Amino acid sequence: MVPANQNGSFGTVGGMIRTTLWLITLCTLQACGVRSPITQFNSANVTNSTPEAISITAHFDISNTNDEPLRLEMYKYYVTVDGRTVYQGLAAAERTVPRWGSVSSAIPIVIRREEIGDQSVIAWKLSGSLSYIPPTALAETLLKNGFWEPTSSIRAHGAIEVPVIE
């Protein structure tokens, strides 16, 4: 154990811990002033069908209720059919939502036909998160250094008619 010095700190390690805790607290306080983007699922459609898989695109509206633009970063999500995870995905959002504005965005989904058997209609659910960069210099610094990653949840569900293979 490192003995305490005259000012009560525990040397370099104690100072680093205190600095880290201070940065986390400051980041949390900064984050309170930035509201997460709001995601609203609109629709989904089949975009491709092969003997191996079905491609679906889920369409969302994303709103920003802040006075500054929000940069969207990455979707991390999974899709279930009949309670089984049939797809896990990462997709770059690569959009900026203007202040007090909305943008449209889409998330790709691929479901292998072996996962759905001979069903003619499947009910699917998507759950996950959307990471974004709050419009503060401190938030960007903490993100770049891997200390913090703010996210907003995304959810969608629907039923699609499985295209017939000819």
C-alpha atoms as a PDB file:
ATOM      1  CA  MET A   1       0.000   0.000   0.000  1.00  0.00           C
ATOM      2  CA  VAL A   2       1.232   3.490  -0.824  1.00  0.00           C
ATOM      3  CA  PRO A   3       1.338   5.772   2.234  1.00  0.00           C
ATOM      4  CA  ALA A   4      -0.616   9.013   2.141  1.00  0.00           C
ATOM      5  CA  ASN A   5       1.399  12.142   1.507  1.00  0.00           C
ATOM      6  CA  GLN A   6       0.922  15.463   3.322  1.00  0.00           C
ATOM      7  CA  ASN A   7      -2.101  16.582   1.322  1.00  0.00           C
ATOM      8  CA  GLY A   8      -3.930  13.273   1.819  1.00  0.00           C
ATOM      9  CA  SER A   9      -3.552  11.883  -1.696  1.00  0.00           C
ATOM     10  CA  PHE A  10      -2.107   8.439  -2.248  1.00  0.00           C
ATOM     11  CA  GLY A  11       0.614   9.280  -4.758  1.00  0.00           C
ATOM     12  CA  THR A  12       0.284   8.987  -8.501  1.00  0.00           C
ATOM     13  CA  VAL A  13      -2.173   6.054  -8.477  1.00  0.00           C
ATOM     14  CA  GLY A  14      -4.545   7.853  -6.111  1.00  0.00           C
ATOM     15  CA  GLY A  15      -4.335  11.004  -8.187  1.00  0.00           C
ATOM     16  CA  MET A  16      -5.142   9.077 -11.360  1.00  0.00           C
ATOM     17  CA  ILE A  17      -8.120   7.414  -9.718  1.00  0.00           C
ATOM     18  CA  ARG A  18      -9.398  10.754  -8.425  1.00  0.00           C
ATOM     19  CA  THR A  19      -8.916  12.343 -11.883  1.00  0.00           C
ATOM     20  CA  THR A  20     -10.740   9.455 -13.568  1.00  0.00           C
ATOM     21  CA  LEU A  21     -13.644   9.702 -11.102  1.00  0.00           C
ATOM     22  CA  TRP A  22     -13.770  13.450 -11.648  1.00  0.00           C
ATOM     23  CA  LEU A  23     -13.900  12.993 -15.442  1.00  0.00           C
ATOM     24  CA  ILE A  24     -16.664  10.383 -15.166  1.00  0.00           C
ATOM     25  CA  THR A  25     -18.687  12.666 -12.885  1.00  0.00           C
ATOM     26  CA  LEU A  26     -18.145  15.635 -15.187  1.00  0.00           C
ATOM     27  CA  CYS A  27     -19.127  13.537 -18.205  1.00  0.00           C
ATOM     28  CA  THR A  28     -22.298  12.383 -16.460  1.00  0.00           C
ATOM     29  CA  LEU A  29     -23.211  15.974 -15.594  1.00  0.00           C
ATOM     30  CA  GLN A  30     -22.537  17.057 -19.195  1.00  0.00           C
ATOM     31  CA  ALA A  31     -24.646  14.189 -20.552  1.00  0.00           C
ATOM     32  CA  CYS A  32     -27.635  15.302 -18.478  1.00  0.00           C
ATOM     33  CA  GLY A  33     -27.860  18.398 -20.655  1.00  0.00           C
ATOM     34  CA  VAL A  34     -28.014  16.389 -23.909  1.00  0.00           C
ATOM     35  CA  ARG A  35     -31.124  14.386 -24.732  1.00  0.00           C
ATOM     36  CA  SER A  36     -30.790  11.085 -26.585  1.00  0.00           C
ATOM     37  CA  PRO A  37     -32.141  10.875 -30.128  1.00  0.00           C
ATOM     38  CA  ILE A  38     -35.660   9.473 -30.392  1.00  0.00           C
ATOM     39  CA  THR A  39     -36.090   6.526 -32.766  1.00  0.00           C
ATOM     40  CA  GLN A  40     -39.466   5.691 -34.279  1.00  0.00           C
ATOM     41  CA  PHE A  41     -39.914   2.537 -36.359  1.00  0.00           C
ATOM     42  CA  ASN A  42     -41.928   3.153 -39.540  1.00  0.00           C
ATOM     43  CA  SER A  43     -41.926   0.088 -41.740  1.00  0.00           C
ATOM     44  CA  ALA A  44     -40.001  -2.869 -43.083  1.00  0.00           C
ATOM     45  CA  ASN A  45     -39.850  -4.389 -46.531  1.00  0.00           C
ATOM     46  CA  VAL A  46     -38.205  -7.359 -48.209  1.00  0.00           C
ATOM     47  CA  THR A  47     -35.371  -6.061 -50.369  1.00  0.00           C
ATOM     48  CA  ASN A  48     -33.921  -9.328 -51.674  1.00  0.00           C
ATOM     49  CA  SER A  49     -34.709 -13.024 -51.636  1.00  0.00           C
ATOM     50  CA  THR A  50     -32.411 -15.904 -52.527  1.00  0.00           C
ATOM     51  CA  PRO A  51     -32.632 -19.643 -51.868  1.00  0.00           C
ATOM     52  CA  GLU A  52     -30.288 -19.064 -48.892  1.00  0.00           C
ATOM     53  CA  ALA A  53     -31.682 -15.941 -47.216  1.00  0.00           C
ATOM     54  CA  ILE A  54     -34.142 -13.058 -47.136  1.00  0.00           C
ATOM     55  CA  SER A  55     -32.973  -9.443 -46.835  1.00  0.00           C
ATOM     56  CA  ILE A  56     -35.207  -6.988 -45.046  1.00  0.00           C
ATOM     57  CA  THR A  57     -34.761  -3.260 -44.497  1.00  0.00           C
ATOM     58  CA  ALA A  58     -36.250  -1.669 -41.366  1.00  0.00           C
ATOM     59  CA  HIS A  59     -36.988   2.058 -41.784  1.00  0.00           C
ATOM     60  CA  PHE A  60     -36.803   4.541 -38.900  1.00  0.00           C
ATOM     61  CA  ASP A  61     -37.303   8.247 -38.248  1.00  0.00           C
ATOM     62  CA  ILE A  62     -34.751   9.656 -35.828  1.00  0.00           C
ATOM     63  CA  SER A  63     -35.474  12.939 -34.052  1.00  0.00           C
ATOM     64  CA  ASN A  64     -33.213  15.326 -32.170  1.00  0.00           C
ATOM     65  CA  THR A  65     -34.753  17.541 -29.463  1.00  0.00           C
ATOM     66  CA  ASN A  66     -31.501  19.343 -28.641  1.00  0.00           C
ATOM     67  CA  ASP A  67     -30.329  22.839 -29.558  1.00  0.00           C
ATOM     68  CA  GLU A  68     -27.268  21.359 -31.291  1.00  0.00           C
ATOM     69  CA  PRO A  69     -26.968  18.689 -34.028  1.00  0.00           C
ATOM     70  CA  LEU A  70     -26.284  15.063 -33.001  1.00  0.00           C
ATOM     71  CA  ARG A  71     -23.936  12.823 -34.965  1.00  0.00           C
ATOM     72  CA  LEU A  72     -25.226   9.261 -35.148  1.00  0.00           C
ATOM     73  CA  GLU A  73     -22.537   6.593 -35.088  1.00  0.00           C
ATOM     74  CA  MET A  74     -23.451   2.892 -35.034  1.00  0.00           C
ATOM     75  CA  TYR A  75     -26.417   0.569 -34.739  1.00  0.00           C
ATOM     76  CA  LYS A  76     -25.820  -2.597 -32.706  1.00  0.00           C
ATOM     77  CA  TYR A  77     -28.794  -4.928 -32.871  1.00  0.00           C
ATOM     78  CA  TYR A  78     -30.180  -8.419 -32.994  1.00  0.00           C
ATOM     79  CA  VAL A  79     -33.258  -9.896 -34.623  1.00  0.00           C
ATOM     80  CA  THR A  80     -35.393 -12.716 -33.239  1.00  0.00           C
ATOM     81  CA  VAL A  81     -37.967 -14.988 -34.861  1.00  0.00           C
ATOM     82  CA  ASP A  82     -40.045 -17.271 -32.622  1.00  0.00           C
ATOM     83  CA  GLY A  83     -37.884 -16.223 -29.656  1.00  0.00           C
ATOM     84  CA  ARG A  84     -34.620 -17.346 -31.314  1.00  0.00           C
ATOM     85  CA  THR A  85     -31.899 -14.911 -32.361  1.00  0.00           C
ATOM     86  CA  VAL A  86     -31.566 -15.258 -36.127  1.00  0.00           C
ATOM     87  CA  TYR A  87     -29.370 -12.245 -36.885  1.00  0.00           C
ATOM     88  CA  GLN A  88     -26.924  -9.950 -35.098  1.00  0.00           C
ATOM     89  CA  GLY A  89     -25.755  -6.838 -36.821  1.00  0.00           C
ATOM     90  CA  LEU A  90     -23.628  -3.733 -36.730  1.00  0.00           C
ATOM     91  CA  ALA A  91     -24.497  -0.980 -39.173  1.00  0.00           C
ATOM     92  CA  ALA A  92     -22.992   2.464 -39.520  1.00  0.00           C
ATOM     93  CA  ALA A  93     -25.606   5.172 -38.990  1.00  0.00           C
ATOM     94  CA  GLU A  94     -23.376   7.905 -40.481  1.00  0.00           C
ATOM     95  CA  ARG A  95     -25.960  10.645 -40.210  1.00  0.00           C
ATOM     96  CA  THR A  96     -26.223  13.971 -38.453  1.00  0.00           C
ATOM     97  CA  VAL A  97     -29.614  14.900 -37.068  1.00  0.00           C
ATOM     98  CA  PRO A  98     -30.092  18.679 -37.228  1.00  0.00           C
ATOM     99  CA  ARG A  99     -31.099  20.600 -34.143  1.00  0.00           C
ATOM    100  CA  TRP A 100     -34.811  20.143 -33.474  1.00  0.00           C
ATOM    101  CA  GLY A 101     -35.026  18.048 -36.653  1.00  0.00           C
ATOM    102  CA  SER A 102     -35.471  14.520 -37.953  1.00  0.00           C
ATOM    103  CA  VAL A 103     -33.814  12.233 -40.476  1.00  0.00           C
ATOM    104  CA  SER A 104     -34.750   8.900 -42.007  1.00  0.00           C
ATOM    105  CA  SER A 105     -32.504   5.908 -41.563  1.00  0.00           C
ATOM    106  CA  ALA A 106     -32.561   2.226 -42.466  1.00  0.00           C
ATOM    107  CA  ILE A 107     -31.170  -0.910 -40.851  1.00  0.00           C
ATOM    108  CA  PRO A 108     -30.402  -4.050 -42.889  1.00  0.00           C
ATOM    109  CA  ILE A 109     -31.565  -7.467 -41.664  1.00  0.00           C
ATOM    110  CA  VAL A 110     -30.692 -10.843 -43.155  1.00  0.00           C
ATOM    111  CA  ILE A 111     -32.587 -13.974 -42.158  1.00  0.00           C
ATOM    112  CA  ARG A 112     -31.296 -17.307 -43.375  1.00  0.00           C
ATOM    113  CA  ARG A 113     -34.073 -19.516 -44.758  1.00  0.00           C
ATOM    114  CA  GLU A 114     -32.858 -22.455 -42.660  1.00  0.00           C
ATOM    115  CA  GLU A 115     -33.826 -20.393 -39.579  1.00  0.00           C
ATOM    116  CA  ILE A 116     -37.484 -20.080 -40.630  1.00  0.00           C
ATOM    117  CA  GLY A 117     -38.169 -23.482 -42.151  1.00  0.00           C
ATOM    118  CA  ASP A 118     -41.248 -23.673 -44.331  1.00  0.00           C
ATOM    119  CA  GLN A 119     -43.186 -20.814 -42.701  1.00  0.00           C
ATOM    120  CA  SER A 120     -45.024 -18.584 -45.163  1.00  0.00           C
ATOM    121  CA  VAL A 121     -45.206 -15.613 -42.758  1.00  0.00           C
ATOM    122  CA  ILE A 122     -42.714 -14.792 -40.032  1.00  0.00           C
ATOM    123  CA  ALA A 123     -43.023 -12.421 -37.081  1.00  0.00           C
ATOM    124  CA  TRP A 124     -39.710 -10.752 -36.237  1.00  0.00           C
ATOM    125  CA  LYS A 125     -38.430  -8.407 -33.531  1.00  0.00           C
ATOM    126  CA  LEU A 126     -35.411  -6.114 -33.620  1.00  0.00           C
ATOM    127  CA  SER A 127     -33.776  -4.812 -30.424  1.00  0.00           C
ATOM    128  CA  GLY A 128     -30.581  -2.895 -29.923  1.00  0.00           C
ATOM    129  CA  SER A 129     -28.927   0.467 -29.539  1.00  0.00           C
ATOM    130  CA  LEU A 130     -27.874   3.487 -31.554  1.00  0.00           C
ATOM    131  CA  SER A 131     -24.683   5.227 -30.432  1.00  0.00           C
ATOM    132  CA  TYR A 132     -24.280   8.950 -30.977  1.00  0.00           C
ATOM    133  CA  ILE A 133     -21.875  11.781 -30.212  1.00  0.00           C
ATOM    134  CA  PRO A 134     -23.232  14.552 -27.980  1.00  0.00           C
ATOM    135  CA  PRO A 135     -22.251  18.037 -29.171  1.00  0.00           C
ATOM    136  CA  THR A 136     -19.652  18.750 -26.486  1.00  0.00           C
ATOM    137  CA  ALA A 137     -15.869  18.701 -26.714  1.00  0.00           C
ATOM    138  CA  LEU A 138     -15.571  16.705 -23.478  1.00  0.00           C
ATOM    139  CA  ALA A 139     -17.982  14.056 -24.746  1.00  0.00           C
ATOM    140  CA  GLU A 140     -15.987  13.680 -27.973  1.00  0.00           C
ATOM    141  CA  THR A 141     -12.730  13.351 -26.006  1.00  0.00           C
ATOM    142  CA  LEU A 142     -14.186  10.694 -23.706  1.00  0.00           C
ATOM    143  CA  LEU A 143     -15.603   8.814 -26.696  1.00  0.00           C
ATOM    144  CA  LYS A 144     -12.303   8.866 -28.584  1.00  0.00           C
ATOM    145  CA  ASN A 145     -10.489   7.519 -25.525  1.00  0.00           C
ATOM    146  CA  GLY A 146     -13.051   4.747 -24.956  1.00  0.00           C
ATOM    147  CA  PHE A 147     -14.313   5.985 -21.573  1.00  0.00           C
ATOM    148  CA  TRP A 148     -17.926   6.555 -22.562  1.00  0.00           C
ATOM    149  CA  GLU A 149     -20.397   5.732 -25.316  1.00  0.00           C
ATOM    150  CA  PRO A 150     -23.894   7.234 -25.089  1.00  0.00           C
ATOM    151  CA  THR A 151     -26.654   5.189 -26.711  1.00  0.00           C
ATOM    152  CA  SER A 152     -30.355   5.283 -27.397  1.00  0.00           C
ATOM    153  CA  SER A 153     -32.451   2.128 -27.660  1.00  0.00           C
ATOM    154  CA  ILE A 154     -33.989   0.955 -30.921  1.00  0.00           C
ATOM    155  CA  ARG A 155     -36.900  -1.428 -31.244  1.00  0.00           C
ATOM    156  CA  ALA A 156     -38.990  -2.684 -34.126  1.00  0.00           C
ATOM    157  CA  HIS A 157     -41.248  -5.596 -34.931  1.00  0.00           C
ATOM    158  CA  GLY A 158     -43.365  -6.806 -37.745  1.00  0.00           C
ATOM    159  CA  ALA A 159     -44.512  -9.697 -39.866  1.00  0.00           C
ATOM    160  CA  ILE A 160     -43.381 -10.397 -43.377  1.00  0.00           C
ATOM    161  CA  GLU A 161     -44.589 -12.750 -46.026  1.00  0.00           C
ATOM    162  CA  VAL A 162     -41.739 -15.080 -46.963  1.00  0.00           C
ATOM    163  CA  PRO A 163     -41.108 -14.851 -50.719  1.00  0.00           C
ATOM    164  CA  VAL A 164     -41.526 -18.138 -52.570  1.00  0.00           C
ATOM    165  CA  ILE A 165     -38.401 -19.544 -54.171  1.00  0.00           C
ATOM    166  CA  GLU A 166     -38.944 -20.366 -57.814  1.00  0.00           C
END
